[in-house]
Protein backbone atom coordinates (compact mmCIF):
# COMPACT_ATOMS: atom_id res chain seq x y z
CA MET A 1 -94.90 -12.05 28.60
CA LYS A 2 -93.89 -8.39 28.35
CA LEU A 3 -92.97 -5.74 30.88
CA ASP A 4 -95.94 -3.72 32.06
CA PHE A 5 -95.15 -1.34 34.90
CA SER A 6 -98.70 0.04 34.78
CA ILE A 7 -99.72 -2.84 37.05
CA ILE A 8 -97.25 -1.51 39.65
CA PHE A 9 -97.82 2.23 39.38
CA ARG A 10 -101.44 2.31 40.42
CA GLN A 11 -102.33 4.29 43.49
CA GLU A 12 -103.76 1.37 45.48
CA ILE A 13 -100.89 -0.95 44.48
CA LEU A 14 -98.24 1.65 45.32
CA LEU A 15 -99.83 2.25 48.73
CA LEU A 16 -99.86 -1.51 49.38
CA LEU A 17 -96.22 -1.85 48.34
CA LEU A 18 -95.19 1.17 50.41
CA LYS A 19 -96.91 -0.24 53.50
CA SER A 20 -95.44 -3.71 53.03
CA TYR A 21 -91.99 -2.25 52.33
CA GLY A 22 -92.28 -0.27 55.56
CA TRP A 23 -93.00 -3.49 57.45
CA THR A 24 -89.97 -5.13 55.84
CA LEU A 25 -87.71 -2.29 56.98
CA ALA A 26 -89.30 -2.18 60.45
CA ILE A 27 -88.88 -5.92 61.02
CA THR A 28 -85.28 -5.75 59.75
CA VAL A 29 -84.30 -2.83 61.96
CA MET A 30 -85.98 -4.15 65.12
CA ALA A 31 -84.72 -7.69 64.59
CA LEU A 32 -81.18 -6.39 64.03
CA ALA A 33 -81.44 -4.36 67.24
CA ILE A 34 -82.45 -7.51 69.13
CA GLY A 35 -79.64 -9.40 67.41
CA ILE A 36 -77.02 -6.79 68.34
CA ILE A 37 -78.09 -6.60 71.99
CA LEU A 38 -78.41 -10.35 72.52
CA GLY A 39 -75.44 -11.13 70.27
CA THR A 40 -73.19 -8.79 72.25
CA ILE A 41 -74.23 -10.46 75.50
CA LEU A 42 -73.53 -13.91 74.05
CA ALA A 43 -70.15 -12.74 72.71
CA VAL A 44 -69.16 -11.43 76.14
CA PHE A 45 -70.20 -14.78 77.64
CA MET A 46 -67.95 -16.57 75.15
CA VAL A 47 -64.85 -14.53 76.01
CA LEU A 48 -65.29 -14.65 79.78
CA PRO A 49 -62.28 -16.14 81.60
CA LYS A 50 -63.15 -19.73 82.47
CA ASP A 51 -61.80 -19.56 86.01
CA LYS A 52 -65.26 -19.61 87.61
CA PHE A 53 -68.09 -22.13 87.37
CA ILE A 54 -70.68 -19.50 86.39
CA ASN A 55 -68.45 -18.33 83.53
CA LYS A 56 -68.21 -21.91 82.24
CA VAL A 57 -72.01 -22.24 82.38
CA LEU A 58 -72.54 -18.97 80.50
CA ASN A 59 -69.95 -19.98 77.91
CA ALA A 60 -71.60 -23.38 77.45
CA PHE A 61 -75.02 -21.73 77.09
CA SER A 62 -73.66 -19.43 74.37
CA GLN A 63 -72.07 -22.30 72.47
CA ILE A 64 -75.26 -24.39 72.60
CA TYR A 65 -77.38 -21.40 71.52
CA LEU A 66 -75.14 -20.74 68.52
CA ALA A 67 -75.06 -24.43 67.55
CA VAL A 68 -78.86 -24.77 67.66
CA ILE A 69 -79.71 -21.50 65.89
CA ARG A 70 -77.04 -21.77 63.21
CA GLY A 71 -77.77 -25.45 62.68
CA THR A 72 -81.48 -25.04 61.87
CA PRO A 73 -83.21 -23.06 59.07
CA VAL A 74 -84.75 -19.73 59.99
CA LEU A 75 -88.03 -20.89 58.45
CA VAL A 76 -88.22 -23.79 60.91
CA GLN A 77 -87.38 -21.46 63.79
CA LEU A 78 -90.18 -19.05 62.79
CA MET A 79 -92.72 -21.86 62.61
CA ILE A 80 -91.70 -23.22 66.02
CA ILE A 81 -91.88 -19.77 67.61
CA CYS A 82 -95.24 -19.00 65.98
CA PHE A 83 -97.08 -22.33 66.13
CA VAL A 84 -95.51 -23.86 69.25
CA ILE A 85 -94.09 -21.25 71.65
CA PHE A 86 -96.65 -18.47 71.00
CA ALA A 87 -99.49 -20.74 69.84
CA ASP A 88 -101.78 -20.11 72.81
CA VAL A 89 -100.21 -16.98 74.27
CA ILE A 90 -102.66 -14.11 74.89
CA PHE A 91 -101.33 -10.62 75.63
CA PHE A 92 -103.82 -7.96 76.78
CA ASN A 93 -106.70 -10.20 75.63
CA ARG A 94 -105.25 -10.42 72.12
CA GLU A 95 -103.14 -12.92 70.25
CA ILE A 96 -99.59 -11.79 69.60
CA SER A 97 -99.22 -10.22 66.17
CA PRO A 98 -97.31 -12.25 63.57
CA TYR A 99 -95.23 -9.13 62.93
CA ILE A 100 -93.99 -9.21 66.53
CA ILE A 101 -93.37 -12.95 66.27
CA ALA A 102 -91.40 -12.42 63.06
CA THR A 103 -89.33 -9.68 64.69
CA ILE A 104 -88.53 -11.89 67.67
CA GLY A 105 -87.76 -14.87 65.46
CA PHE A 106 -85.42 -12.99 63.15
CA GLY A 107 -83.85 -11.24 66.13
CA LEU A 108 -83.07 -14.51 67.89
CA ASN A 109 -81.66 -15.93 64.67
CA SER A 110 -79.56 -12.85 63.98
CA ALA A 111 -78.15 -12.91 67.52
CA ALA A 112 -76.29 -16.16 66.82
CA TYR A 113 -74.47 -14.63 63.86
CA VAL A 114 -73.92 -11.26 65.51
CA ALA A 115 -72.41 -13.07 68.51
CA GLU A 116 -69.65 -14.52 66.32
CA ILE A 117 -69.08 -11.13 64.71
CA MET A 118 -68.81 -9.47 68.11
CA ARG A 119 -66.58 -12.22 69.49
CA ALA A 120 -64.19 -11.86 66.55
CA GLY A 121 -64.17 -8.08 67.00
CA ILE A 122 -63.42 -8.38 70.72
CA MET A 123 -60.63 -10.86 70.09
CA SER A 124 -59.09 -8.54 67.49
CA VAL A 125 -58.33 -5.93 70.17
CA ASP A 126 -54.89 -6.28 71.69
CA ARG A 127 -54.97 -8.15 74.99
CA GLY A 128 -52.87 -5.40 76.54
CA GLN A 129 -55.81 -2.99 76.26
CA PHE A 130 -57.88 -5.19 78.54
CA GLU A 131 -55.05 -5.67 80.98
CA ALA A 132 -54.45 -1.91 81.07
CA GLY A 133 -58.09 -1.27 81.94
CA ARG A 134 -58.00 -3.84 84.72
CA ALA A 135 -54.71 -2.42 86.00
CA VAL A 136 -56.24 1.01 86.59
CA GLY A 137 -59.04 -0.54 88.64
CA LEU A 138 -61.84 -0.88 86.07
CA SER A 139 -64.19 -3.82 86.42
CA TYR A 140 -64.44 -6.48 83.73
CA GLY A 141 -67.75 -5.07 82.47
CA THR A 142 -66.54 -1.46 82.46
CA THR A 143 -63.33 -2.40 80.67
CA MET A 144 -65.34 -4.27 78.04
CA LYS A 145 -67.84 -1.43 77.61
CA ARG A 146 -65.48 1.56 77.62
CA ILE A 147 -62.29 0.18 76.12
CA ILE A 148 -62.68 -3.09 74.23
CA LEU A 149 -66.03 -2.72 72.44
CA PRO A 150 -65.36 0.84 71.14
CA GLN A 151 -62.01 -0.25 69.70
CA SER A 152 -63.54 -3.31 68.06
CA ALA A 153 -66.20 -1.21 66.30
CA LYS A 154 -64.16 -0.69 63.11
CA ASN A 155 -63.72 -4.46 62.74
CA ILE A 156 -67.32 -5.28 63.66
CA LEU A 157 -69.02 -2.78 61.35
CA PRO A 158 -68.46 -4.40 57.90
CA PRO A 159 -69.71 -7.91 58.82
CA LEU A 160 -72.52 -6.35 60.86
CA GLY A 161 -73.59 -4.49 57.72
CA ASN A 162 -73.57 -7.78 55.82
CA GLU A 163 -75.79 -9.30 58.51
CA ALA A 164 -78.26 -6.42 58.09
CA ILE A 165 -78.38 -7.06 54.34
CA VAL A 166 -78.91 -10.79 54.81
CA LEU A 167 -81.63 -10.10 57.37
CA LEU A 168 -83.40 -7.70 54.99
CA LYS A 169 -83.60 -10.40 52.32
CA GLU A 170 -84.53 -13.16 54.78
CA THR A 171 -87.69 -11.33 55.86
CA SER A 172 -89.38 -12.70 52.73
CA VAL A 173 -89.85 -16.07 54.49
CA ALA A 174 -92.10 -14.38 57.09
CA LEU A 175 -95.05 -14.86 54.74
CA ILE A 176 -95.27 -18.44 56.07
CA ILE A 177 -96.64 -17.10 59.39
CA GLY A 178 -98.94 -14.52 57.83
CA VAL A 179 -96.74 -11.43 57.68
CA SER A 180 -97.56 -9.17 54.74
CA GLU A 181 -94.09 -7.84 54.02
CA PHE A 182 -92.75 -6.52 50.70
CA PHE A 183 -92.14 -9.82 48.91
CA THR A 184 -95.55 -11.12 50.00
CA ALA A 185 -97.17 -8.08 48.37
CA ILE A 186 -95.16 -8.69 45.21
CA LYS A 187 -96.37 -12.29 45.07
CA GLY A 188 -99.93 -11.04 45.49
CA ILE A 189 -99.50 -8.78 42.47
CA VAL A 190 -98.13 -11.70 40.44
CA ASN A 191 -101.13 -13.86 41.37
CA THR A 192 -103.70 -11.19 40.46
CA SER A 193 -102.06 -9.78 37.32
CA TYR A 194 -100.73 -13.07 35.91
CA ASN A 195 -97.58 -11.13 35.06
CA VAL A 196 -94.43 -12.68 36.51
CA ILE A 197 -91.68 -10.58 34.98
CA THR A 198 -92.70 -7.04 35.96
CA PRO A 199 -93.44 -7.51 39.70
CA TYR A 200 -90.33 -9.62 40.32
CA LEU A 201 -88.14 -7.22 38.34
CA PHE A 202 -89.56 -4.34 40.37
CA ALA A 203 -88.85 -6.27 43.59
CA ALA A 204 -85.26 -6.91 42.47
CA ILE A 205 -84.76 -3.20 41.78
CA VAL A 206 -86.17 -2.18 45.17
CA TYR A 207 -84.04 -4.72 47.04
CA PHE A 208 -80.94 -3.67 45.07
CA ILE A 209 -81.45 0.03 45.81
CA THR A 210 -82.06 -0.71 49.51
CA VAL A 211 -78.95 -2.87 49.80
CA TYR A 212 -76.89 -0.28 47.92
CA LEU A 213 -78.00 2.50 50.28
CA ILE A 214 -77.17 0.36 53.32
CA SER A 215 -73.72 -0.44 51.90
CA PHE A 216 -73.10 3.21 51.01
CA GLY A 217 -74.10 4.35 54.50
CA LEU A 218 -71.81 1.78 56.10
CA LYS A 219 -68.88 2.92 53.97
CA LEU A 220 -69.43 6.51 55.07
CA LEU A 221 -69.56 5.40 58.69
CA GLU A 222 -66.37 3.36 58.28
CA ARG A 223 -64.53 6.36 56.81
CA ARG A 224 -65.71 8.53 59.67
CA LEU A 225 -64.46 5.99 62.22
CA GLN A 226 -61.11 5.81 60.45
CA ARG A 227 -60.74 9.60 60.45
CA SER A 228 -61.62 9.85 64.14
CA GLU A 229 -59.12 7.08 64.88
CA ARG A 230 -56.31 8.93 63.10
CA SER A 231 -57.14 12.18 64.88
């Protein structure tokens, strides 16, 4: 079977691929945003001083959440969210879109990994920084937000970029709940053209370029953070 890019570069096929690629990027970005927000909250719960009962409860909740999410495949999580949790949910007289379900599912999954990244970044900041913030009268939350988290950014950024890359590639499993993302469109082309090599090679090139651009952007951001730190 030979390469034949003419099956890719047709107007209707390119429009389909562009639309599905847009959904892949949208799901990745929104899911990562959910992951960062929820993951940061979970990380803060994990580093709370365990001198109060509520802190112990929040810490235990975080540990259980991470154990459950990291201990089960994302495919299983998506199917549970889609076919169990949101099976009969109606919102504004309409069923919830599988794209929204996929975004929520990937976001909840990403949060467990982002939480560990954030926790490690928080722990990498010298304890004296936290004590200094508390000494000048800042609350725990304010100290965390204005002092600890900004300083941990340079340590958090590289693994957070890796999580974005992993999330981008994981979106391909969303086809199981009816999401027409980029890889689903590629599989459709394979099934209709009976050409395996060209569509999959094209998909590999697109994923590679996307991952390279994400990595390049992260490196630029890291250098900028390092320069601002020196100055």
